[in-house]
Amino acid sequence: MKLLCTNEKSFGETIRENFVYDDKTEYICKILNTFQFKSCFLSRPRRFGKTLLLSTVRELFQGDRELFRDLWIGKATRSSKGTRSRTST
């Protein structure tokens, strides 16, 4: 059973320690693919997940695929690799 996090944790800690994580990786992917500026202003209220969001983006760019295995972006990556390999054969 997944636990609810009651204090601030990084994305890696949240996933590794089996806490509940509301998967925002699809939105992160959309932002990164459509964002054309050098900076982005995240206007969210206090305690609304800005630090966790940025921690998720950091882990995404560091390339630890195991953390994203069960999330949207991990599944999308696996399925896109599968379709590429099938079309190339």
PDB file of N, CA and C in Angstrom:
ATOM      1  N   MET A   1       0.844  -1.180   0.000  1.00  0.00           N
ATOM      2  CA  MET A   1       0.000   0.000   0.000  1.00  0.00           C
ATOM      3  C   MET A   1       0.889   1.243   0.000  1.00  0.00           C
ATOM      4  N   LYS A   2       0.543   2.185  -0.833  1.00  0.00           N
ATOM      5  CA  LYS A   2       1.311   3.430  -0.920  1.00  0.00           C
ATOM      6  C   LYS A   2       0.966   4.341   0.254  1.00  0.00           C
ATOM      7  N   LEU A   3       1.956   5.097   0.683  1.00  0.00           N
ATOM      8  CA  LEU A   3       1.805   6.012   1.803  1.00  0.00           C
ATOM      9  C   LEU A   3       1.631   7.434   1.303  1.00  0.00           C
ATOM     10  N   LEU A   4       0.958   8.268   2.109  1.00  0.00           N
ATOM     11  CA  LEU A   4       0.847   9.693   1.808  1.00  0.00           C
ATOM     12  C   LEU A   4       2.044  10.416   2.407  1.00  0.00           C
ATOM     13  N   CYS A   5       2.647  11.269   1.631  1.00  0.00           N
ATOM     14  CA  CYS A   5       3.800  12.032   2.092  1.00  0.00           C
ATOM     15  C   CYS A   5       3.312  13.240   2.889  1.00  0.00           C
ATOM     16  N   THR A   6       3.835  13.417   4.094  1.00  0.00           N
ATOM     17  CA  THR A   6       3.407  14.543   4.924  1.00  0.00           C
ATOM     18  C   THR A   6       4.469  15.629   5.036  1.00  0.00           C
ATOM     19  N   ASN A   7       5.640  15.391   4.463  1.00  0.00           N
ATOM     20  CA  ASN A   7       6.671  16.432   4.452  1.00  0.00           C
ATOM     21  C   ASN A   7       7.283  16.504   3.061  1.00  0.00           C
ATOM     22  N   GLU A   8       8.110  17.495   2.853  1.00  0.00           N
ATOM     23  CA  GLU A   8       8.682  17.724   1.529  1.00  0.00           C
ATOM     24  C   GLU A   8       9.746  16.676   1.215  1.00  0.00           C
ATOM     25  N   LYS A   9       9.564  15.990   0.119  1.00  0.00           N
ATOM     26  CA  LYS A   9      10.532  15.001  -0.338  1.00  0.00           C
ATOM     27  C   LYS A   9      10.835  15.266  -1.807  1.00  0.00           C
ATOM     28  N   SER A  10      11.984  14.800  -2.250  1.00  0.00           N
ATOM     29  CA  SER A  10      12.320  14.920  -3.666  1.00  0.00           C
ATOM     30  C   SER A  10      11.550  13.866  -4.451  1.00  0.00           C
ATOM     31  N   PHE A  11      11.535  14.002  -5.755  1.00  0.00           N
ATOM     32  CA  PHE A  11      10.846  13.030  -6.601  1.00  0.00           C
ATOM     33  C   PHE A  11      11.428  11.633  -6.401  1.00  0.00           C
ATOM     34  N   GLY A  12      12.754  11.539  -6.403  1.00  0.00           N
ATOM     35  CA  GLY A  12      13.410  10.243  -6.232  1.00  0.00           C
ATOM     36  C   GLY A  12      13.024   9.572  -4.929  1.00  0.00           C
ATOM     37  N   GLU A  13      13.035  10.325  -3.833  1.00  0.00           N
ATOM     38  CA  GLU A  13      12.635   9.773  -2.532  1.00  0.00           C
ATOM     39  C   GLU A  13      11.178   9.338  -2.545  1.00  0.00           C
ATOM     40  N   THR A  14      10.322  10.141  -3.151  1.00  0.00           N
ATOM     41  CA  THR A  14       8.899   9.835  -3.213  1.00  0.00           C
ATOM     42  C   THR A  14       8.659   8.505  -3.915  1.00  0.00           C
ATOM     43  N   ILE A  15       9.315   8.274  -5.035  1.00  0.00           N
ATOM     44  CA  ILE A  15       9.137   7.037  -5.794  1.00  0.00           C
ATOM     45  C   ILE A  15       9.803   5.861  -5.083  1.00  0.00           C
ATOM     46  N   ARG A  16      11.051   6.042  -4.666  1.00  0.00           N
ATOM     47  CA  ARG A  16      11.796   4.942  -4.028  1.00  0.00           C
ATOM     48  C   ARG A  16      11.170   4.480  -2.715  1.00  0.00           C
ATOM     49  N   GLU A  17      10.591   5.408  -1.969  1.00  0.00           N
ATOM     50  CA  GLU A  17      10.016   5.062  -0.666  1.00  0.00           C
ATOM     51  C   GLU A  17       8.534   4.724  -0.754  1.00  0.00           C
ATOM     52  N   ASN A  18       8.016   4.581  -1.985  1.00  0.00           N
ATOM     53  CA  ASN A  18       6.653   4.113  -2.247  1.00  0.00           C
ATOM     54  C   ASN A  18       5.561   5.038  -1.709  1.00  0.00           C
ATOM     55  N   PHE A  19       5.778   6.351  -1.838  1.00  0.00           N
ATOM     56  CA  PHE A  19       4.747   7.312  -1.472  1.00  0.00           C
ATOM     57  C   PHE A  19       3.826   7.542  -2.670  1.00  0.00           C
ATOM     58  N   VAL A  20       2.642   8.040  -2.407  1.00  0.00           N
ATOM     59  CA  VAL A  20       1.700   8.372  -3.470  1.00  0.00           C
ATOM     60  C   VAL A  20       2.291   9.520  -4.279  1.00  0.00           C
ATOM     61  N   TYR A  21       2.249   9.371  -5.607  1.00  0.00           N
ATOM     62  CA  TYR A  21       2.736  10.427  -6.502  1.00  0.00           C
ATOM     63  C   TYR A  21       1.689  10.640  -7.574  1.00  0.00           C
ATOM     64  N   ASP A  22       1.164  11.857  -7.664  1.00  0.00           N
ATOM     65  CA  ASP A  22       0.200  12.211  -8.706  1.00  0.00           C
ATOM     66  C   ASP A  22       1.004  12.488  -9.976  1.00  0.00           C
ATOM     67  N   ASP A  23       0.907  11.592 -10.925  1.00  0.00           N
ATOM     68  CA  ASP A  23       1.750  11.617 -12.120  1.00  0.00           C
ATOM     69  C   ASP A  23       1.467  12.844 -12.986  1.00  0.00           C
ATOM     70  N   LYS A  24       2.444  13.733 -13.054  1.00  0.00           N
ATOM     71  CA  LYS A  24       2.356  14.944 -13.873  1.00  0.00           C
ATOM     72  C   LYS A  24       3.319  14.891 -15.050  1.00  0.00           C
ATOM     73  N   THR A  25       3.884  13.707 -15.324  1.00  0.00           N
ATOM     74  CA  THR A  25       4.914  13.635 -16.357  1.00  0.00           C
ATOM     75  C   THR A  25       4.372  13.922 -17.755  1.00  0.00           C
ATOM     76  N   GLU A  26       3.106  13.649 -18.008  1.00  0.00           N
ATOM     77  CA  GLU A  26       2.538  13.987 -19.312  1.00  0.00           C
ATOM     78  C   GLU A  26       2.535  15.504 -19.509  1.00  0.00           C
ATOM     79  N   TYR A  27       2.187  16.242 -18.454  1.00  0.00           N
ATOM     80  CA  TYR A  27       2.159  17.706 -18.533  1.00  0.00           C
ATOM     81  C   TYR A  27       3.573  18.270 -18.649  1.00  0.00           C
ATOM     82  N   ILE A  28       4.518  17.663 -17.937  1.00  0.00           N
ATOM     83  CA  ILE A  28       5.914  18.096 -18.032  1.00  0.00           C
ATOM     84  C   ILE A  28       6.399  17.930 -19.466  1.00  0.00           C
ATOM     85  N   CYS A  29       6.076  16.798 -20.063  1.00  0.00           N
ATOM     86  CA  CYS A  29       6.479  16.529 -21.444  1.00  0.00           C
ATOM     87  C   CYS A  29       5.873  17.569 -22.396  1.00  0.00           C
ATOM     88  N   LYS A  30       4.606  17.902 -22.199  1.00  0.00           N
ATOM     89  CA  LYS A  30       3.953  18.902 -23.050  1.00  0.00           C
ATOM     90  C   LYS A  30       4.609  20.274 -22.891  1.00  0.00           C
ATOM     91  N   ILE A  31       4.926  20.642 -21.656  1.00  0.00           N
ATOM     92  CA  ILE A  31       5.573  21.933 -21.405  1.00  0.00           C
ATOM     93  C   ILE A  31       6.942  21.970 -22.083  1.00  0.00           C
ATOM     94  N   LEU A  32       7.724  20.915 -21.907  1.00  0.00           N
ATOM     95  CA  LEU A  32       9.071  20.892 -22.474  1.00  0.00           C
ATOM     96  C   LEU A  32       9.060  20.858 -23.998  1.00  0.00           C
ATOM     97  N   ASN A  33       8.061  20.234 -24.585  1.00  0.00           N
ATOM     98  CA  ASN A  33       7.993  20.138 -26.045  1.00  0.00           C
ATOM     99  C   ASN A  33       7.436  21.392 -26.711  1.00  0.00           C
ATOM    100  N   THR A  34       6.672  22.199 -25.976  1.00  0.00           N
ATOM    101  CA  THR A  34       6.056  23.374 -26.590  1.00  0.00           C
ATOM    102  C   THR A  34       6.634  24.691 -26.094  1.00  0.00           C
ATOM    103  N   PHE A  35       7.438  24.662 -25.064  1.00  0.00           N
ATOM    104  CA  PHE A  35       7.971  25.879 -24.466  1.00  0.00           C
ATOM    105  C   PHE A  35       9.108  26.411 -25.322  1.00  0.00           C
ATOM    106  N   GLN A  36       9.021  27.673 -25.756  1.00  0.00           N
ATOM    107  CA  GLN A  36      10.004  28.226 -26.674  1.00  0.00           C
ATOM    108  C   GLN A  36      10.850  29.348 -26.058  1.00  0.00           C
ATOM    109  N   PHE A  37      10.760  29.540 -24.760  1.00  0.00           N
ATOM    110  CA  PHE A  37      11.484  30.624 -24.113  1.00  0.00           C
ATOM    111  C   PHE A  37      12.571  30.059 -23.210  1.00  0.00           C
ATOM    112  N   LYS A  38      13.449  30.919 -22.708  1.00  0.00           N
ATOM    113  CA  LYS A  38      14.553  30.478 -21.865  1.00  0.00           C
ATOM    114  C   LYS A  38      14.141  30.267 -20.418  1.00  0.00           C
ATOM    115  N   SER A  39      13.025  30.845 -20.010  1.00  0.00           N
ATOM    116  CA  SER A  39      12.598  30.700 -18.619  1.00  0.00           C
ATOM    117  C   SER A  39      11.091  30.488 -18.559  1.00  0.00           C
ATOM    118  N   CYS A  40      10.665  29.989 -17.417  1.00  0.00           N
ATOM    119  CA  CYS A  40       9.239  29.700 -17.211  1.00  0.00           C
ATOM    120  C   CYS A  40       8.880  30.105 -15.788  1.00  0.00           C
ATOM    121  N   PHE A  41       7.820  30.851 -15.634  1.00  0.00           N
ATOM    122  CA  PHE A  41       7.356  31.284 -14.309  1.00  0.00           C
ATOM    123  C   PHE A  41       6.266  30.327 -13.838  1.00  0.00           C
ATOM    124  N   LEU A  42       6.515  29.638 -12.730  1.00  0.00           N
ATOM    125  CA  LEU A  42       5.530  28.712 -12.162  1.00  0.00           C
ATOM    126  C   LEU A  42       4.745  29.431 -11.073  1.00  0.00           C
ATOM    127  N   SER A  43       3.583  29.884 -11.413  1.00  0.00           N
ATOM    128  CA  SER A  43       2.749  30.623 -10.471  1.00  0.00           C
ATOM    129  C   SER A  43       1.756  29.667  -9.821  1.00  0.00           C
ATOM    130  N   ARG A  44       2.103  29.155  -8.662  1.00  0.00           N
ATOM    131  CA  ARG A  44       1.242  28.247  -7.916  1.00  0.00           C
ATOM    132  C   ARG A  44       1.241  28.677  -6.453  1.00  0.00           C
ATOM    133  N   PRO A  45       0.177  28.392  -5.734  1.00  0.00           N
ATOM    134  CA  PRO A  45       0.133  28.744  -4.308  1.00  0.00           C
ATOM    135  C   PRO A  45       1.172  27.981  -3.488  1.00  0.00           C
ATOM    136  N   ARG A  46       1.368  28.435  -2.280  1.00  0.00           N
ATOM    137  CA  ARG A  46       2.253  27.752  -1.336  1.00  0.00           C
ATOM    138  C   ARG A  46       1.827  26.306  -1.152  1.00  0.00           C
ATOM    139  N   ARG A  47       2.807  25.398  -0.998  1.00  0.00           N
ATOM    140  CA  ARG A  47       2.540  23.973  -0.729  1.00  0.00           C
ATOM    141  C   ARG A  47       1.744  23.309  -1.855  1.00  0.00           C
ATOM    142  N   PHE A  48       1.996  23.727  -3.086  1.00  0.00           N
ATOM    143  CA  PHE A  48       1.228  23.225  -4.221  1.00  0.00           C
ATOM    144  C   PHE A  48       2.072  22.355  -5.153  1.00  0.00           C
ATOM    145  N   GLY A  49       3.279  21.971  -4.735  1.00  0.00           N
ATOM    146  CA  GLY A  49       4.066  21.009  -5.486  1.00  0.00           C
ATOM    147  C   GLY A  49       5.083  21.560  -6.462  1.00  0.00           C
ATOM    148  N   LYS A  50       5.465  22.821  -6.321  1.00  0.00           N
ATOM    149  CA  LYS A  50       6.447  23.398  -7.254  1.00  0.00           C
ATOM    150  C   LYS A  50       7.810  22.716  -7.112  1.00  0.00           C
ATOM    151  N   THR A  51       8.245  22.501  -5.886  1.00  0.00           N
ATOM    152  CA  THR A  51       9.543  21.878  -5.646  1.00  0.00           C
ATOM    153  C   THR A  51       9.553  20.447  -6.159  1.00  0.00           C
ATOM    154  N   LEU A  52       8.497  19.702  -5.912  1.00  0.00           N
ATOM    155  CA  LEU A  52       8.412  18.328  -6.399  1.00  0.00           C
ATOM    156  C   LEU A  52       8.386  18.299  -7.928  1.00  0.00           C
ATOM    157  N   LEU A  53       7.688  19.237  -8.544  1.00  0.00           N
ATOM    158  CA  LEU A  53       7.651  19.317 -10.007  1.00  0.00           C
ATOM    159  C   LEU A  53       9.053  19.539 -10.570  1.00  0.00           C
ATOM    160  N   LEU A  54       9.787  20.482  -9.999  1.00  0.00           N
ATOM    161  CA  LEU A  54      11.144  20.765 -10.479  1.00  0.00           C
ATOM    162  C   LEU A  54      12.093  19.612 -10.183  1.00  0.00           C
ATOM    163  N   SER A  55      11.891  18.934  -9.070  1.00  0.00           N
ATOM    164  CA  SER A  55      12.677  17.750  -8.753  1.00  0.00           C
ATOM    165  C   SER A  55      12.417  16.642  -9.782  1.00  0.00           C
ATOM    166  N   THR A  56      11.171  16.530 -10.224  1.00  0.00           N
ATOM    167  CA  THR A  56      10.814  15.555 -11.254  1.00  0.00           C
ATOM    168  C   THR A  56      11.504  15.889 -12.568  1.00  0.00           C
ATOM    169  N   VAL A  57      11.500  17.163 -12.943  1.00  0.00           N
ATOM    170  CA  VAL A  57      12.164  17.592 -14.177  1.00  0.00           C
ATOM    171  C   VAL A  57      13.669  17.315 -14.079  1.00  0.00           C
ATOM    172  N   ARG A  58      14.269  17.604 -12.927  1.00  0.00           N
ATOM    173  CA  ARG A  58      15.703  17.353 -12.739  1.00  0.00           C
ATOM    174  C   ARG A  58      16.016  15.866 -12.931  1.00  0.00           C
ATOM    175  N   GLU A  59      15.231  14.997 -12.297  1.00  0.00           N
ATOM    176  CA  GLU A  59      15.456  13.544 -12.427  1.00  0.00           C
ATOM    177  C   GLU A  59      15.248  13.087 -13.869  1.00  0.00           C
ATOM    178  N   LEU A  60      14.294  13.691 -14.552  1.00  0.00           N
ATOM    179  CA  LEU A  60      14.031  13.352 -15.944  1.00  0.00           C
ATOM    180  C   LEU A  60      15.255  13.644 -16.810  1.00  0.00           C
ATOM    181  N   PHE A  61      15.881  14.806 -16.613  1.00  0.00           N
ATOM    182  CA  PHE A  61      17.059  15.170 -17.384  1.00  0.00           C
ATOM    183  C   PHE A  61      18.306  14.401 -16.955  1.00  0.00           C
ATOM    184  N   GLN A  62      18.331  13.927 -15.705  1.00  0.00           N
ATOM    185  CA  GLN A  62      19.465  13.115 -15.264  1.00  0.00           C
ATOM    186  C   GLN A  62      19.380  11.699 -15.825  1.00  0.00           C
ATOM    187  N   GLY A  63      18.195  11.295 -16.294  1.00  0.00           N
ATOM    188  CA  GLY A  63      18.071  10.048 -17.031  1.00  0.00           C
ATOM    189  C   GLY A  63      17.904   8.779 -16.227  1.00  0.00           C
ATOM    190  N   ASP A  64      17.453   8.853 -14.976  1.00  0.00           N
ATOM    191  CA  ASP A  64      17.219   7.640 -14.180  1.00  0.00           C
ATOM    192  C   ASP A  64      15.884   7.019 -14.600  1.00  0.00           C
ATOM    193  N   ARG A  65      15.909   6.207 -15.644  1.00  0.00           N
ATOM    194  CA  ARG A  65      14.687   5.651 -16.238  1.00  0.00           C
ATOM    195  C   ARG A  65      13.895   4.777 -15.280  1.00  0.00           C
ATOM    196  N   GLU A  66      14.573   4.151 -14.336  1.00  0.00           N
ATOM    197  CA  GLU A  66      13.886   3.254 -13.400  1.00  0.00           C
ATOM    198  C   GLU A  66      12.848   4.010 -12.560  1.00  0.00           C
ATOM    199  N   LEU A  67      13.117   5.260 -12.228  1.00  0.00           N
ATOM    200  CA  LEU A  67      12.163   6.057 -11.446  1.00  0.00           C
ATOM    201  C   LEU A  67      10.864   6.305 -12.214  1.00  0.00           C
ATOM    202  N   PHE A  68      10.949   6.363 -13.541  1.00  0.00           N
ATOM    203  CA  PHE A  68       9.801   6.715 -14.376  1.00  0.00           C
ATOM    204  C   PHE A  68       9.100   5.498 -14.979  1.00  0.00           C
ATOM    205  N   ARG A  69       9.544   4.317 -14.619  1.00  0.00           N
ATOM    206  CA  ARG A  69       9.050   3.070 -15.215  1.00  0.00           C
ATOM    207  C   ARG A  69       7.527   2.963 -15.209  1.00  0.00           C
ATOM    208  N   ASP A  70       6.865   3.280 -14.108  1.00  0.00           N
ATOM    209  CA  ASP A  70       5.412   3.114 -13.987  1.00  0.00           C
ATOM    210  C   ASP A  70       4.630   4.395 -14.250  1.00  0.00           C
ATOM    211  N   LEU A  71       5.300   5.444 -14.683  1.00  0.00           N
ATOM    212  CA  LEU A  71       4.643   6.722 -14.923  1.00  0.00           C
ATOM    213  C   LEU A  71       4.357   6.918 -16.404  1.00  0.00           C
ATOM    214  N   TRP A  72       3.564   7.929 -16.737  1.00  0.00           N
ATOM    215  CA  TRP A  72       3.154   8.176 -18.121  1.00  0.00           C
ATOM    216  C   TRP A  72       4.346   8.259 -19.059  1.00  0.00           C
ATOM    217  N   ILE A  73       5.347   9.028 -18.683  1.00  0.00           N
ATOM    218  CA  ILE A  73       6.482   9.241 -19.583  1.00  0.00           C
ATOM    219  C   ILE A  73       7.293   7.963 -19.784  1.00  0.00           C
ATOM    220  N   GLY A  74       7.380   7.132 -18.775  1.00  0.00           N
ATOM    221  CA  GLY A  74       8.072   5.852 -18.915  1.00  0.00           C
ATOM    222  C   GLY A  74       7.344   4.916 -19.857  1.00  0.00           C
ATOM    223  N   LYS A  75       6.024   4.884 -19.744  1.00  0.00           N
ATOM    224  CA  LYS A  75       5.218   4.033 -20.631  1.00  0.00           C
ATOM    225  C   LYS A  75       5.223   4.574 -22.048  1.00  0.00           C
ATOM    226  N   ALA A  76       5.156   5.887 -22.209  1.00  0.00           N
ATOM    227  CA  ALA A  76       5.167   6.500 -23.541  1.00  0.00           C
ATOM    228  C   ALA A  76       6.503   6.249 -24.231  1.00  0.00           C
ATOM    229  N   THR A  77       7.588   6.298 -23.476  1.00  0.00           N
ATOM    230  CA  THR A  77       8.912   6.053 -24.041  1.00  0.00           C
ATOM    231  C   THR A  77       9.038   4.615 -24.512  1.00  0.00           C
ATOM    232  N   ARG A  78       8.566   3.685 -23.687  1.00  0.00           N
ATOM    233  CA  ARG A  78       8.636   2.267 -24.071  1.00  0.00           C
ATOM    234  C   ARG A  78       7.780   1.987 -25.303  1.00  0.00           C
ATOM    235  N   SER A  79       6.567   2.552 -25.350  1.00  0.00           N
ATOM    236  CA  SER A  79       5.692   2.280 -26.495  1.00  0.00           C
ATOM    237  C   SER A  79       6.217   2.930 -27.767  1.00  0.00           C
ATOM    238  N   SER A  80       6.828   4.105 -27.670  1.00  0.00           N
ATOM    239  CA  SER A  80       7.364   4.742 -28.881  1.00  0.00           C
ATOM    240  C   SER A  80       8.583   3.983 -29.389  1.00  0.00           C
ATOM    241  N   LYS A  81       9.377   3.421 -28.483  1.00  0.00           N
ATOM    242  CA  LYS A  81      10.519   2.610 -28.918  1.00  0.00           C
ATOM    243  C   LYS A  81      10.024   1.355 -29.611  1.00  0.00           C
ATOM    244  N   GLY A  82       8.958   0.768 -29.086  1.00  0.00           N
ATOM    245  CA  GLY A  82       8.411  -0.449 -29.673  1.00  0.00           C
ATOM    246  C   GLY A  82       7.875  -0.208 -31.067  1.00  0.00           C
ATOM    247  N   THR A  83       7.199   0.923 -31.276  1.00  0.00           N
ATOM    248  CA  THR A  83       6.651   1.189 -32.601  1.00  0.00           C
ATOM    249  C   THR A  83       7.756   1.520 -33.592  1.00  0.00           C
ATOM    250  N   ARG A  84       8.803   2.187 -33.130  1.00  0.00           N
ATOM    251  CA  ARG A  84       9.910   2.486 -34.032  1.00  0.00           C
ATOM    252  C   ARG A  84      10.604   1.211 -34.478  1.00  0.00           C
ATOM    253  N   SER A  85      10.823   0.297 -33.542  1.00  0.00           N
ATOM    254  CA  SER A  85      11.534  -0.918 -33.917  1.00  0.00           C
ATOM    255  C   SER A  85      10.682  -1.800 -34.824  1.00  0.00           C
ATOM    256  N   ARG A  86       9.367  -1.778 -34.634  1.00  0.00           N
ATOM    257  CA  ARG A  86       8.502  -2.582 -35.497  1.00  0.00           C
ATOM    258  C   ARG A  86       8.429  -2.015 -36.902  1.00  0.00           C
ATOM    259  N   THR A  87       8.411  -0.693 -37.021  1.00  0.00           N
ATOM    260  CA  THR A  87       8.317  -0.102 -38.363  1.00  0.00           C
ATOM    261  C   THR A  87       9.635  -0.196 -39.107  1.00  0.00           C
ATOM    262  N   SER A  88      10.739  -0.281 -38.371  1.00  0.00           N
ATOM    263  CA  SER A  88      12.033  -0.331 -39.045  1.00  0.00           C
ATOM    264  C   SER A  88      12.378  -1.732 -39.528  1.00  0.00           C
ATOM    265  N   THR A  89      11.666  -2.771 -39.070  1.00  0.00           N
ATOM    266  CA  THR A  89      11.978  -4.134 -39.521  1.00  0.00           C
ATOM    267  C   THR A  89      11.155  -4.559 -40.696  1.00  0.00           C
TER     268      THR A  89
END
